[in-house]
Amino acid sequence: GMPWWAAHRLCIKAAQSWWQFEAWCAANGMD
């Protein structure tokens, strides 16, 4: 839904802080 480089920049940040991202997802009703 966006250019490759934008997806890369967002996904790398989530991967580097996976537990925080996953916790945010859980708190917001997303698995």
Full PDB file with SEQRES, HELIX, SHEET, SSBOND, CRYST1, ORIGX, SCALE, CONECT and MASTER records, all heavy atoms in Angstrom:
SEQRES   1 A   31  GLY MET PRO TRP TRP ALA ALA HIS ARG LEU CYS ILE LYS          
SEQRES   2 A   31  ALA ALA GLN SER TRP TRP GLN PHE GLU ALA TRP CYS ALA          
SEQRES   3 A   31  ALA ASN GLY MET ASP                                          
HELIX    1 AA1 TRP A    4  GLN A   16  1                                  13    
HELIX    2 AA2 TRP A   18  ALA A   27  1                                  10    
CRYST1    1.000    1.000    1.000  90.00  90.00  90.00 P 1           1          
ORIGX1      1.000000  0.000000  0.000000        0.00000                         
ORIGX2      0.000000  1.000000  0.000000        0.00000                         
ORIGX3      0.000000  0.000000  1.000000        0.00000                         
SCALE1      1.000000  0.000000  0.000000        0.00000                         
SCALE2      0.000000  1.000000  0.000000        0.00000                         
SCALE3      0.000000  0.000000  1.000000        0.00000                         
ATOM      1  N   GLY A   1       0.810  -1.210   0.000  1.00  0.00           N  
ATOM      2  CA  GLY A   1       0.000   0.000   0.000  1.00  0.00           C  
ATOM      3  C   GLY A   1       0.844   1.261   0.000  1.00  0.00           C  
ATOM      4  O   GLY A   1       0.338   2.359   0.230  1.00  0.00           O  
ATOM      5  N   MET A   2       2.113   1.106  -0.272  1.00  0.00           N  
ATOM      6  CA  MET A   2       3.056   2.230  -0.276  1.00  0.00           C  
ATOM      7  C   MET A   2       4.322   1.776  -0.980  1.00  0.00           C  
ATOM      8  O   MET A   2       4.483   0.574  -1.228  1.00  0.00           O  
ATOM      9  CB  MET A   2       3.381   2.670   1.158  1.00  0.00           C  
ATOM     10  CG  MET A   2       4.043   1.611   2.009  1.00  0.00           C  
ATOM     11  SD  MET A   2       4.297   2.106   3.738  1.00  0.00           S  
ATOM     12  CE  MET A   2       2.639   2.404   4.294  1.00  0.00           C  
ATOM     13  N   PRO A   3       5.219   2.703  -1.283  1.00  0.00           N  
ATOM     14  CA  PRO A   3       6.467   2.306  -1.935  1.00  0.00           C  
ATOM     15  C   PRO A   3       7.301   1.367  -1.061  1.00  0.00           C  
ATOM     16  O   PRO A   3       7.216   1.389   0.171  1.00  0.00           O  
ATOM     17  CB  PRO A   3       7.202   3.639  -2.135  1.00  0.00           C  
ATOM     18  CG  PRO A   3       6.162   4.689  -2.053  1.00  0.00           C  
ATOM     19  CD  PRO A   3       5.119   4.158  -1.114  1.00  0.00           C  
ATOM     20  N   TRP A   4       8.126   0.561  -1.735  1.00  0.00           N  
ATOM     21  CA  TRP A   4       8.983  -0.402  -1.055  1.00  0.00           C  
ATOM     22  C   TRP A   4       9.786   0.251   0.064  1.00  0.00           C  
ATOM     23  O   TRP A   4       9.846  -0.261   1.180  1.00  0.00           O  
ATOM     24  CB  TRP A   4       9.929  -1.070  -2.070  1.00  0.00           C  
ATOM     25  CG  TRP A   4      10.934  -1.937  -1.410  1.00  0.00           C  
ATOM     26  CD1 TRP A   4      12.212  -1.606  -1.060  1.00  0.00           C  
ATOM     27  CD2 TRP A   4      10.754  -3.287  -0.973  1.00  0.00           C  
ATOM     28  NE1 TRP A   4      12.837  -2.661  -0.439  1.00  0.00           N  
ATOM     29  CE2 TRP A   4      11.950  -3.707  -0.374  1.00  0.00           C  
ATOM     30  CE3 TRP A   4       9.690  -4.179  -1.034  1.00  0.00           C  
ATOM     31  CZ2 TRP A   4      12.122  -4.975   0.153  1.00  0.00           C  
ATOM     32  CZ3 TRP A   4       9.863  -5.447  -0.509  1.00  0.00           C  
ATOM     33  CH2 TRP A   4      11.067  -5.831   0.085  1.00  0.00           C  
ATOM     34  N   TRP A   5      10.439   1.376  -0.234  1.00  0.00           N  
ATOM     35  CA  TRP A   5      11.329   1.995   0.743  1.00  0.00           C  
ATOM     36  C   TRP A   5      10.568   2.445   1.982  1.00  0.00           C  
ATOM     37  O   TRP A   5      11.099   2.369   3.083  1.00  0.00           O  
ATOM     38  CB  TRP A   5      12.133   3.142   0.133  1.00  0.00           C  
ATOM     39  CG  TRP A   5      11.302   4.169  -0.563  1.00  0.00           C  
ATOM     40  CD1 TRP A   5      10.676   5.240  -0.001  1.00  0.00           C  
ATOM     41  CD2 TRP A   5      11.002   4.215  -1.951  1.00  0.00           C  
ATOM     42  NE1 TRP A   5       9.996   5.952  -0.951  1.00  0.00           N  
ATOM     43  CE2 TRP A   5      10.178   5.340  -2.174  1.00  0.00           C  
ATOM     44  CE3 TRP A   5      11.350   3.403  -3.042  1.00  0.00           C  
ATOM     45  CZ2 TRP A   5       9.692   5.681  -3.423  1.00  0.00           C  
ATOM     46  CZ3 TRP A   5      10.857   3.760  -4.291  1.00  0.00           C  
ATOM     47  CH2 TRP A   5      10.044   4.875  -4.468  1.00  0.00           C  
ATOM     48  N   ALA A   6       9.321   2.898   1.829  1.00  0.00           N  
ATOM     49  CA  ALA A   6       8.535   3.301   2.996  1.00  0.00           C  
ATOM     50  C   ALA A   6       8.169   2.079   3.831  1.00  0.00           C  
ATOM     51  O   ALA A   6       8.278   2.104   5.066  1.00  0.00           O  
ATOM     52  CB  ALA A   6       7.282   4.049   2.546  1.00  0.00           C  
ATOM     53  N   ALA A   7       7.757   0.994   3.166  1.00  0.00           N  
ATOM     54  CA  ALA A   7       7.447  -0.243   3.889  1.00  0.00           C  
ATOM     55  C   ALA A   7       8.693  -0.738   4.619  1.00  0.00           C  
ATOM     56  O   ALA A   7       8.614  -1.164   5.778  1.00  0.00           O  
ATOM     57  CB  ALA A   7       6.919  -1.303   2.928  1.00  0.00           C  
ATOM     58  N   HIS A   8       9.839  -0.672   3.964  1.00  0.00           N  
ATOM     59  CA  HIS A   8      11.093  -1.094   4.605  1.00  0.00           C  
ATOM     60  C   HIS A   8      11.358  -0.268   5.856  1.00  0.00           C  
ATOM     61  O   HIS A   8      11.672  -0.814   6.923  1.00  0.00           O  
ATOM     62  CB  HIS A   8      12.268  -0.973   3.628  1.00  0.00           C  
ATOM     63  CG  HIS A   8      13.602  -1.064   4.295  1.00  0.00           C  
ATOM     64  ND1 HIS A   8      14.064  -2.224   4.883  1.00  0.00           N  
ATOM     65  CD2 HIS A   8      14.553  -0.127   4.507  1.00  0.00           C  
ATOM     66  CE1 HIS A   8      15.252  -2.003   5.420  1.00  0.00           C  
ATOM     67  NE2 HIS A   8      15.569  -0.733   5.195  1.00  0.00           N  
ATOM     68  N   ARG A   9      11.255   1.028   5.738  1.00  0.00           N  
ATOM     69  CA  ARG A   9      11.570   1.905   6.874  1.00  0.00           C  
ATOM     70  C   ARG A   9      10.634   1.649   8.051  1.00  0.00           C  
ATOM     71  O   ARG A   9      11.071   1.675   9.206  1.00  0.00           O  
ATOM     72  CB  ARG A   9      11.510   3.359   6.420  1.00  0.00           C  
ATOM     73  CG  ARG A   9      12.635   3.716   5.465  1.00  0.00           C  
ATOM     74  CD  ARG A   9      12.431   5.062   4.816  1.00  0.00           C  
ATOM     75  NE  ARG A   9      13.517   5.344   3.883  1.00  0.00           N  
ATOM     76  CZ  ARG A   9      13.430   6.215   2.895  1.00  0.00           C  
ATOM     77  NH1 ARG A   9      12.317   6.926   2.715  1.00  0.00           N  
ATOM     78  NH2 ARG A   9      14.446   6.406   2.081  1.00  0.00           N  
ATOM     79  N   LEU A  10       9.364   1.411   7.780  1.00  0.00           N  
ATOM     80  CA  LEU A  10       8.412   1.140   8.857  1.00  0.00           C  
ATOM     81  C   LEU A  10       8.621  -0.247   9.454  1.00  0.00           C  
ATOM     82  O   LEU A  10       8.633  -0.418  10.678  1.00  0.00           O  
ATOM     83  CB  LEU A  10       6.979   1.294   8.345  1.00  0.00           C  
ATOM     84  CG  LEU A  10       6.571   2.712   7.953  1.00  0.00           C  
ATOM     85  CD1 LEU A  10       5.230   2.702   7.228  1.00  0.00           C  
ATOM     86  CD2 LEU A  10       6.515   3.614   9.185  1.00  0.00           C  
ATOM     87  N   CYS A  11       8.792  -1.239   8.590  1.00  0.00           N  
ATOM     88  CA  CYS A  11       8.926  -2.624   9.066  1.00  0.00           C  
ATOM     89  C   CYS A  11      10.222  -2.844   9.828  1.00  0.00           C  
ATOM     90  O   CYS A  11      10.244  -3.605  10.799  1.00  0.00           O  
ATOM     91  CB  CYS A  11       8.803  -3.604   7.901  1.00  0.00           C  
ATOM     92  SG  CYS A  11       7.130  -3.691   7.221  1.00  0.00           S  
ATOM     93  N   ILE A  12      11.294  -2.197   9.420  1.00  0.00           N  
ATOM     94  CA  ILE A  12      12.561  -2.386  10.136  1.00  0.00           C  
ATOM     95  C   ILE A  12      12.438  -1.836  11.553  1.00  0.00           C  
ATOM     96  O   ILE A  12      12.950  -2.435  12.508  1.00  0.00           O  
ATOM     97  CB  ILE A  12      13.775  -1.770   9.378  1.00  0.00           C  
ATOM     98  CG1 ILE A  12      15.095  -2.197  10.010  1.00  0.00           C  
ATOM     99  CG2 ILE A  12      13.739  -0.259   9.364  1.00  0.00           C  
ATOM    100  CD1 ILE A  12      15.498  -3.591   9.749  1.00  0.00           C  
ATOM    101  N   LYS A  13      11.736  -0.736  11.719  1.00  0.00           N  
ATOM    102  CA  LYS A  13      11.557  -0.168  13.065  1.00  0.00           C  
ATOM    103  C   LYS A  13      10.705  -1.099  13.929  1.00  0.00           C  
ATOM    104  O   LYS A  13      11.006  -1.296  15.111  1.00  0.00           O  
ATOM    105  CB  LYS A  13      10.957   1.225  12.979  1.00  0.00           C  
ATOM    106  CG  LYS A  13      11.951   2.240  12.443  1.00  0.00           C  
ATOM    107  CD  LYS A  13      11.355   3.608  12.282  1.00  0.00           C  
ATOM    108  CE  LYS A  13      12.438   4.542  11.739  1.00  0.00           C  
ATOM    109  NZ  LYS A  13      11.944   5.817  11.325  1.00  0.00           N  
ATOM    110  N   ALA A  14       9.668  -1.668  13.342  1.00  0.00           N  
ATOM    111  CA  ALA A  14       8.834  -2.605  14.104  1.00  0.00           C  
ATOM    112  C   ALA A  14       9.619  -3.872  14.427  1.00  0.00           C  
ATOM    113  O   ALA A  14       9.513  -4.409  15.540  1.00  0.00           O  
ATOM    114  CB  ALA A  14       7.558  -2.934  13.327  1.00  0.00           C  
ATOM    115  N   ALA A  15      10.415  -4.358  13.496  1.00  0.00           N  
ATOM    116  CA  ALA A  15      11.209  -5.568  13.742  1.00  0.00           C  
ATOM    117  C   ALA A  15      12.247  -5.333  14.840  1.00  0.00           C  
ATOM    118  O   ALA A  15      12.491  -6.221  15.662  1.00  0.00           O  
ATOM    119  CB  ALA A  15      11.897  -6.019  12.448  1.00  0.00           C  
ATOM    120  N   GLN A  16      12.814  -4.157  14.864  1.00  0.00           N  
ATOM    121  CA  GLN A  16      13.837  -3.853  15.870  1.00  0.00           C  
ATOM    122  C   GLN A  16      13.240  -3.709  17.272  1.00  0.00           C  
ATOM    123  O   GLN A  16      13.954  -3.857  18.261  1.00  0.00           O  
ATOM    124  CB  GLN A  16      14.587  -2.571  15.496  1.00  0.00           C  
ATOM    125  CG  GLN A  16      15.484  -2.749  14.293  1.00  0.00           C  
ATOM    126  CD  GLN A  16      16.036  -1.437  13.766  1.00  0.00           C  
ATOM    127  OE1 GLN A  16      15.492  -0.355  13.996  1.00  0.00           O  
ATOM    128  NE2 GLN A  16      17.129  -1.529  13.016  1.00  0.00           N  
ATOM    129  N   SER A  17      11.958  -3.411  17.338  1.00  0.00           N  
ATOM    130  CA  SER A  17      11.273  -3.261  18.633  1.00  0.00           C  
ATOM    131  C   SER A  17      10.015  -4.120  18.628  1.00  0.00           C  
ATOM    132  O   SER A  17       8.925  -3.660  18.965  1.00  0.00           O  
ATOM    133  CB  SER A  17      10.904  -1.794  18.874  1.00  0.00           C  
ATOM    134  OG  SER A  17      12.046  -0.986  18.858  1.00  0.00           O  
ATOM    135  N   TRP A  18      10.196  -5.380  18.217  1.00  0.00           N  
ATOM    136  CA  TRP A  18       9.034  -6.243  17.988  1.00  0.00           C  
ATOM    137  C   TRP A  18       8.122  -6.327  19.202  1.00  0.00           C  
ATOM    138  O   TRP A  18       6.909  -6.225  19.068  1.00  0.00           O  
ATOM    139  CB  TRP A  18       9.459  -7.647  17.541  1.00  0.00           C  
ATOM    140  CG  TRP A  18       8.258  -8.491  17.310  1.00  0.00           C  
ATOM    141  CD1 TRP A  18       7.798  -9.499  18.102  1.00  0.00           C  
ATOM    142  CD2 TRP A  18       7.322  -8.372  16.242  1.00  0.00           C  
ATOM    143  NE1 TRP A  18       6.643 -10.019  17.587  1.00  0.00           N  
ATOM    144  CE2 TRP A  18       6.322  -9.344  16.431  1.00  0.00           C  
ATOM    145  CE3 TRP A  18       7.223  -7.535  15.142  1.00  0.00           C  
ATOM    146  CZ2 TRP A  18       5.246  -9.518  15.575  1.00  0.00           C  
ATOM    147  CZ3 TRP A  18       6.147  -7.695  14.276  1.00  0.00           C  
ATOM    148  CH2 TRP A  18       5.179  -8.674  14.493  1.00  0.00           C  
ATOM    149  N   TRP A  19       8.642  -6.527  20.385  1.00  0.00           N  
ATOM    150  CA  TRP A  19       7.767  -6.692  21.543  1.00  0.00           C  
ATOM    151  C   TRP A  19       6.930  -5.440  21.779  1.00  0.00           C  
ATOM    152  O   TRP A  19       5.765  -5.531  22.161  1.00  0.00           O  
ATOM    153  CB  TRP A  19       8.549  -7.105  22.796  1.00  0.00           C  
ATOM    154  CG  TRP A  19       9.359  -5.998  23.413  1.00  0.00           C  
ATOM    155  CD1 TRP A  19      10.655  -5.685  23.157  1.00  0.00           C  
ATOM    156  CD2 TRP A  19       8.905  -5.058  24.377  1.00  0.00           C  
ATOM    157  NE1 TRP A  19      11.044  -4.597  23.896  1.00  0.00           N  
ATOM    158  CE2 TRP A  19       9.987  -4.193  24.672  1.00  0.00           C  
ATOM    159  CE3 TRP A  19       7.689  -4.842  25.026  1.00  0.00           C  
ATOM    160  CZ2 TRP A  19       9.888  -3.145  25.587  1.00  0.00           C  
ATOM    161  CZ3 TRP A  19       7.597  -3.785  25.939  1.00  0.00           C  
ATOM    162  CH2 TRP A  19       8.689  -2.956  26.213  1.00  0.00           C  
ATOM    163  N   GLN A  20       7.503  -4.260  21.532  1.00  0.00           N  
ATOM    164  CA  GLN A  20       6.737  -3.018  21.705  1.00  0.00           C  
ATOM    165  C   GLN A  20       5.645  -2.905  20.641  1.00  0.00           C  
ATOM    166  O   GLN A  20       4.515  -2.523  20.935  1.00  0.00           O  
ATOM    167  CB  GLN A  20       7.660  -1.809  21.640  1.00  0.00           C  
ATOM    168  CG  GLN A  20       8.592  -1.719  22.820  1.00  0.00           C  
ATOM    169  CD  GLN A  20       9.628  -0.630  22.636  1.00  0.00           C  
ATOM    170  OE1 GLN A  20      10.119  -0.400  21.527  1.00  0.00           O  
ATOM    171  NE2 GLN A  20       9.967   0.055  23.722  1.00  0.00           N  
ATOM    172  N   PHE A  21       6.002  -3.239  19.409  1.00  0.00           N  
ATOM    173  CA  PHE A  21       5.002  -3.199  18.346  1.00  0.00           C  
ATOM    174  C   PHE A  21       3.887  -4.206  18.620  1.00  0.00           C  
ATOM    175  O   PHE A  21       2.710  -3.893  18.498  1.00  0.00           O  
ATOM    176  CB  PHE A  21       5.654  -3.473  16.981  1.00  0.00           C  
ATOM    177  CG  PHE A  21       4.659  -3.592  15.859  1.00  0.00           C  
ATOM    178  CD1 PHE A  21       3.912  -2.487  15.458  1.00  0.00           C  
ATOM    179  CD2 PHE A  21       4.440  -4.800  15.222  1.00  0.00           C  
ATOM    180  CE1 PHE A  21       2.978  -2.590  14.429  1.00  0.00           C  
ATOM    181  CE2 PHE A  21       3.513  -4.908  14.203  1.00  0.00           C  
ATOM    182  CZ  PHE A  21       2.779  -3.805  13.805  1.00  0.00           C  
ATOM    183  N   GLU A  22       4.266  -5.421  19.013  1.00  0.00           N  
ATOM    184  CA  GLU A  22       3.268  -6.446  19.284  1.00  0.00           C  
ATOM    185  C   GLU A  22       2.381  -6.048  20.460  1.00  0.00           C  
ATOM    186  O   GLU A  22       1.167  -6.276  20.441  1.00  0.00           O  
ATOM    187  CB  GLU A  22       3.947  -7.786  19.534  1.00  0.00           C  
ATOM    188  CG  GLU A  22       2.997  -8.948  19.468  1.00  0.00           C  
ATOM    189  CD  GLU A  22       3.715 -10.279  19.395  1.00  0.00           C  
ATOM    190  OE1 GLU A  22       4.854 -10.402  19.892  1.00  0.00           O  
ATOM    191  OE2 GLU A  22       3.114 -11.197  18.842  1.00  0.00           O  
ATOM    192  N   ALA A  23       2.955  -5.436  21.479  1.00  0.00           N  
ATOM    193  CA  ALA A  23       2.170  -4.954  22.615  1.00  0.00           C  
ATOM    194  C   ALA A  23       1.193  -3.862  22.174  1.00  0.00           C  
ATOM    195  O   ALA A  23       0.030  -3.841  22.588  1.00  0.00           O  
ATOM    196  CB  ALA A  23       3.095  -4.438  23.719  1.00  0.00           C  
ATOM    197  N   TRP A  24       1.674  -2.951  21.295  1.00  0.00           N  
ATOM    198  CA  TRP A  24       0.798  -1.903  20.775  1.00  0.00           C  
ATOM    199  C   TRP A  24      -0.362  -2.543  20.011  1.00  0.00           C  
ATOM    200  O   TRP A  24      -1.518  -2.128  20.156  1.00  0.00           O  
ATOM    201  CB  TRP A  24       1.586  -0.949  19.870  1.00  0.00           C  
ATOM    202  CG  TRP A  24       0.736   0.146  19.307  1.00  0.00           C  
ATOM    203  CD1 TRP A  24       0.525   1.384  19.844  1.00  0.00           C  
ATOM    204  CD2 TRP A  24      -0.049   0.088  18.109  1.00  0.00           C  
ATOM    205  NE1 TRP A  24      -0.338   2.101  19.050  1.00  0.00           N  
ATOM    206  CE2 TRP A  24      -0.704   1.325  17.980  1.00  0.00           C  
ATOM    207  CE3 TRP A  24      -0.264  -0.880  17.147  1.00  0.00           C  
ATOM    208  CZ2 TRP A  24      -1.552   1.620  16.917  1.00  0.00           C  
ATOM    209  CZ3 TRP A  24      -1.109  -0.595  16.092  1.00  0.00           C  
ATOM    210  CH2 TRP A  24      -1.743   0.637  15.981  1.00  0.00           C  
ATOM    211  N   CYS A  25      -0.054  -3.550  19.189  1.00  0.00           N  
ATOM    212  CA  CYS A  25      -1.100  -4.242  18.430  1.00  0.00           C  
ATOM    213  C   CYS A  25      -2.122  -4.866  19.374  1.00  0.00           C  
ATOM    214  O   CYS A  25      -3.333  -4.732  19.169  1.00  0.00           O  
ATOM    215  CB  CYS A  25      -0.493  -5.324  17.528  1.00  0.00           C  
ATOM    216  SG  CYS A  25       0.392  -4.679  16.097  1.00  0.00           S  
ATOM    217  N   ALA A  26      -1.640  -5.554  20.420  1.00  0.00           N  
ATOM    218  CA  ALA A  26      -2.548  -6.192  21.373  1.00  0.00           C  
ATOM    219  C   ALA A  26      -3.429  -5.159  22.065  1.00  0.00           C  
ATOM    220  O   ALA A  26      -4.648  -5.369  22.218  1.00  0.00           O  
ATOM    221  CB  ALA A  26      -1.752  -6.991  22.403  1.00  0.00           C  
ATOM    222  N   ALA A  27      -2.834  -4.038  22.439  1.00  0.00           N  
ATOM    223  CA  ALA A  27      -3.594  -2.984  23.112  1.00  0.00           C  
ATOM    224  C   ALA A  27      -4.631  -2.346  22.188  1.00  0.00           C  
ATOM    225  O   ALA A  27      -5.626  -1.786  22.658  1.00  0.00           O  
ATOM    226  CB  ALA A  27      -2.642  -1.919  23.645  1.00  0.00           C  
ATOM    227  N   ASN A  28      -4.405  -2.461  20.884  1.00  0.00           N  
ATOM    228  CA  ASN A  28      -5.315  -1.855  19.915  1.00  0.00           C  
ATOM    229  C   ASN A  28      -6.178  -2.883  19.192  1.00  0.00           C  
ATOM    230  O   ASN A  28      -6.773  -2.579  18.150  1.00  0.00           O  
ATOM    231  CB  ASN A  28      -4.514  -1.009  18.922  1.00  0.00           C  
ATOM    232  CG  ASN A  28      -4.038   0.272  19.559  1.00  0.00           C  
ATOM    233  OD1 ASN A  28      -4.803   1.227  19.684  1.00  0.00           O  
ATOM    234  ND2 ASN A  28      -2.798   0.293  20.025  1.00  0.00           N  
ATOM    235  N   GLY A  29      -6.231  -4.102  19.723  1.00  0.00           N  
ATOM    236  CA  GLY A  29      -7.142  -5.120  19.193  1.00  0.00           C  
ATOM    237  C   GLY A  29      -6.718  -5.753  17.882  1.00  0.00           C  
ATOM    238  O   GLY A  29      -7.561  -6.248  17.139  1.00  0.00           O  
ATOM    239  N   MET A  30      -5.441  -5.740  17.598  1.00  0.00           N  
ATOM    240  CA  MET A  30      -4.963  -6.352  16.360  1.00  0.00           C  
ATOM    241  C   MET A  30      -3.980  -7.468  16.680  1.00  0.00           C  
ATOM    242  O   MET A  30      -3.102  -7.296  17.523  1.00  0.00           O  
ATOM    243  CB  MET A  30      -4.272  -5.309  15.484  1.00  0.00           C  
ATOM    244  CG  MET A  30      -3.783  -5.862  14.173  1.00  0.00           C  
ATOM    245  SD  MET A  30      -2.908  -4.581  13.259  1.00  0.00           S  
ATOM    246  CE  MET A  30      -1.875  -5.605  12.263  1.00  0.00           C  
ATOM    247  N   ASP A  31      -4.137  -8.590  16.012  1.00  0.00           N  
ATOM    248  CA  ASP A  31      -3.198  -9.697  16.167  1.00  0.00           C  
ATOM    249  C   ASP A  31      -2.377  -9.804  14.889  1.00  0.00           C  
ATOM    250  O   ASP A  31      -2.890 -10.263  13.864  1.00  0.00           O  
ATOM    251  CB  ASP A  31      -3.944 -11.001  16.433  1.00  0.00           C  
ATOM    252  CG  ASP A  31      -3.017 -12.195  16.601  1.00  0.00           C  
ATOM    253  OD1 ASP A  31      -1.779 -12.015  16.520  1.00  0.00           O  
ATOM    254  OD2 ASP A  31      -3.527 -13.307  16.805  1.00  0.00           O  
TER     255      ASP A  31                                                      
MASTER        0    0    0    2    0    0    0    6  254    1    0    3          
END                                                                             
